[in-house]
N, C-alpha and C. Protein backbone atom coordinates (compact mmCIF):
# COMPACT_ATOMS: atom_id res chain seq x y z
N MET A 1 110.84 -2.63 1.05
CA MET A 1 110.06 -1.52 1.54
C MET A 1 110.04 -1.72 3.05
N SER A 2 110.06 -0.38 3.61
CA SER A 2 110.01 -0.45 5.03
C SER A 2 108.65 -0.11 5.49
N ASP A 3 108.39 -0.24 6.84
CA ASP A 3 107.08 -0.02 7.39
C ASP A 3 106.91 1.61 7.48
N ASP A 4 107.98 2.35 7.38
CA ASP A 4 107.89 3.79 7.53
C ASP A 4 107.14 4.30 6.22
N TYR A 5 107.26 3.65 5.19
CA TYR A 5 106.72 3.99 3.93
C TYR A 5 105.12 4.35 4.03
N GLY A 6 104.51 3.27 4.69
CA GLY A 6 103.01 3.23 4.86
C GLY A 6 102.55 4.51 5.82
N SER A 7 103.44 4.67 6.79
CA SER A 7 102.98 5.82 7.60
C SER A 7 103.11 7.16 6.95
N ARG A 8 104.04 7.32 6.11
CA ARG A 8 104.29 8.58 5.45
C ARG A 8 103.12 8.83 4.38
N HIS A 9 102.91 7.56 3.83
CA HIS A 9 101.91 7.72 2.61
C HIS A 9 100.58 8.14 3.07
N TYR A 10 100.13 7.66 4.28
CA TYR A 10 98.67 8.15 4.68
C TYR A 10 98.77 9.24 5.72
N ALA A 11 99.76 9.73 5.95
CA ALA A 11 99.90 10.88 6.89
C ALA A 11 99.05 12.10 6.29
N GLY A 12 98.27 12.66 7.19
CA GLY A 12 97.48 13.85 6.75
C GLY A 12 96.04 13.51 6.54
N TYR A 13 95.65 12.31 6.45
CA TYR A 13 94.36 11.88 6.03
C TYR A 13 93.46 11.68 7.26
N GLY A 14 94.10 11.81 8.44
CA GLY A 14 93.24 11.62 9.66
C GLY A 14 92.15 12.63 9.89
N PHE A 15 92.37 13.91 9.38
CA PHE A 15 91.43 14.94 9.49
C PHE A 15 90.17 14.64 8.77
N TRP A 16 90.32 14.09 7.55
CA TRP A 16 89.17 13.68 6.61
C TRP A 16 88.40 12.58 7.14
N GLY A 17 89.19 11.53 7.77
CA GLY A 17 88.61 10.45 8.35
C GLY A 17 87.69 10.96 9.61
N PHE A 18 88.21 11.79 10.37
CA PHE A 18 87.38 12.30 11.45
C PHE A 18 86.32 13.23 11.05
N GLY A 19 86.50 13.88 9.92
CA GLY A 19 85.33 14.72 9.35
C GLY A 19 84.34 13.78 8.84
N GLY A 20 84.67 12.76 8.18
CA GLY A 20 83.64 11.75 7.74
C GLY A 20 82.92 11.14 8.82
N LEU A 21 83.60 10.75 9.90
CA LEU A 21 82.96 10.24 11.09
C LEU A 21 81.98 11.15 11.56
N LEU A 22 82.21 12.43 11.83
CA LEU A 22 81.29 13.37 12.21
C LEU A 22 80.05 13.49 11.40
N ALA A 23 80.35 13.55 10.03
CA ALA A 23 79.35 13.64 9.01
C ALA A 23 78.43 12.45 9.17
N TYR A 24 78.89 11.29 9.41
CA TYR A 24 78.14 10.05 9.53
C TYR A 24 77.25 10.18 10.75
N VAL A 25 77.93 10.52 11.83
CA VAL A 25 77.16 10.53 13.24
C VAL A 25 75.97 11.45 13.13
N GLY A 26 76.34 12.78 12.58
CA GLY A 26 75.30 13.76 12.42
C GLY A 26 74.16 13.34 11.45
N ALA A 27 74.47 12.63 10.40
CA ALA A 27 73.53 12.19 9.55
C ALA A 27 72.64 11.01 10.22
N ALA A 28 73.27 10.24 10.88
CA ALA A 28 72.65 9.15 11.70
C ALA A 28 71.74 9.78 12.72
N PHE A 29 72.14 10.69 13.46
CA PHE A 29 71.13 11.38 14.31
C PHE A 29 70.07 11.96 13.76
N TYR A 30 70.27 12.68 12.53
CA TYR A 30 69.15 13.32 11.89
C TYR A 30 68.14 12.13 11.36
N PHE A 31 68.71 11.22 10.57
CA PHE A 31 67.75 10.18 10.00
C PHE A 31 67.00 9.29 10.97
N ILE A 32 67.78 9.02 12.18
CA ILE A 32 66.97 8.41 13.19
C ILE A 32 66.02 9.26 13.99
N GLY A 33 66.24 10.54 13.92
CA GLY A 33 65.29 11.37 14.50
C GLY A 33 63.96 11.58 13.69
N VAL A 34 64.15 11.49 12.42
CA VAL A 34 62.98 11.65 11.62
C VAL A 34 62.26 10.29 11.41
N SER A 35 62.83 9.30 11.89
CA SER A 35 62.24 7.88 11.65
C SER A 35 61.13 7.68 12.67
N ASP A 36 60.37 6.58 12.62
CA ASP A 36 59.14 6.41 13.49
C ASP A 36 59.71 5.81 14.85
N GLY A 37 61.04 5.47 14.90
CA GLY A 37 61.51 4.98 16.25
C GLY A 37 61.56 3.47 16.18
N SER A 38 60.90 2.76 15.41
CA SER A 38 60.84 1.27 15.40
C SER A 38 62.37 0.82 15.12
N PHE A 39 62.33 -0.49 15.34
CA PHE A 39 63.74 -1.14 15.02
C PHE A 39 64.13 -0.94 13.61
N TRP A 40 63.25 -1.30 12.62
CA TRP A 40 63.70 -1.14 11.17
C TRP A 40 63.76 0.24 10.83
N GLY A 41 63.07 1.14 11.36
CA GLY A 41 63.22 2.59 11.16
C GLY A 41 64.67 3.10 11.51
N VAL A 42 65.20 2.55 12.65
CA VAL A 42 66.46 2.81 13.13
C VAL A 42 67.46 2.31 12.02
N ILE A 43 67.23 1.09 11.64
CA ILE A 43 68.24 0.39 10.80
C ILE A 43 68.25 1.19 9.39
N VAL A 44 67.09 1.55 8.85
CA VAL A 44 67.00 2.17 7.61
C VAL A 44 67.61 3.63 7.79
N GLY A 45 67.49 4.19 8.97
CA GLY A 45 68.13 5.60 9.21
C GLY A 45 69.60 5.43 9.14
N LEU A 46 70.16 4.36 9.73
CA LEU A 46 71.62 4.14 9.68
C LEU A 46 72.08 3.90 8.33
N LEU A 47 71.40 3.13 7.43
CA LEU A 47 71.70 2.88 6.17
C LEU A 47 71.70 4.29 5.32
N GLN A 48 70.62 4.99 5.61
CA GLN A 48 70.40 6.30 4.86
C GLN A 48 71.76 7.25 5.19
N ALA A 49 72.21 7.17 6.55
CA ALA A 49 73.28 7.97 6.92
C ALA A 49 74.59 7.56 6.15
N LEU A 50 74.70 6.31 5.72
CA LEU A 50 75.82 5.85 4.84
C LEU A 50 75.82 6.60 3.48
N VAL A 51 74.54 6.70 2.87
CA VAL A 51 74.52 7.12 1.54
C VAL A 51 73.99 8.51 1.34
N TRP A 52 73.90 9.31 2.37
CA TRP A 52 73.31 10.68 2.26
C TRP A 52 73.95 11.57 1.21
N PRO A 53 75.34 11.48 1.10
CA PRO A 53 75.99 12.16 0.03
C PRO A 53 75.34 11.93 -1.45
N ALA A 54 74.93 10.79 -1.69
CA ALA A 54 74.37 10.48 -2.90
C ALA A 54 72.94 11.19 -3.05
N TYR A 55 72.27 11.21 -1.91
CA TYR A 55 70.97 11.98 -1.97
C TYR A 55 71.37 13.57 -2.23
N ALA A 56 72.31 14.00 -1.63
CA ALA A 56 72.63 15.44 -1.80
C ALA A 56 73.12 15.77 -3.28
N VAL A 57 74.08 14.76 -3.83
CA VAL A 57 74.45 15.06 -5.27
C VAL A 57 73.12 14.94 -6.17
N TYR A 58 72.33 14.01 -5.98
CA TYR A 58 71.26 13.80 -6.89
C TYR A 58 70.34 15.00 -6.75
N GLY A 59 70.11 15.52 -5.62
CA GLY A 59 69.33 16.77 -5.48
C GLY A 59 69.85 17.98 -6.16
N LEU A 60 71.21 17.98 -5.94
CA LEU A 60 71.96 19.16 -6.57
C LEU A 60 71.93 19.18 -8.10
N LEU A 61 72.11 18.00 -8.62
CA LEU A 61 72.06 17.76 -10.05
C LEU A 61 70.61 18.09 -10.61
N GLY A 62 69.55 17.67 -9.85
CA GLY A 62 68.29 18.02 -10.24
C GLY A 62 68.02 19.50 -10.25
N VAL A 63 68.55 20.27 -9.45
CA VAL A 63 68.32 21.60 -9.30
C VAL A 63 69.18 22.38 -10.44
N LEU A 64 70.46 21.85 -10.63
CA LEU A 64 71.24 22.56 -11.69
C LEU A 64 70.84 22.20 -13.05
N LEU A 65 70.28 21.06 -13.29
CA LEU A 65 69.96 20.64 -14.72
C LEU A 65 68.44 20.92 -14.99
N ALA A 66 67.66 21.33 -14.04
CA ALA A 66 66.24 21.67 -14.28
C ALA A 66 66.05 23.01 -14.97
């Protein structure tokens, strides 16, 4: 196998990675903004920014199945 295979295999995924980064940064700004500003509030906000899609899916399923 040549090194060229890896670059062709993952070509085109850069946009989704950049979109994911923007979504994380936006969620981090939101969750840190609504925290109390303490050290642990910021840490919890960053962790919530990692898993916010799970919150969104859970809320959507609650609305759809209710």
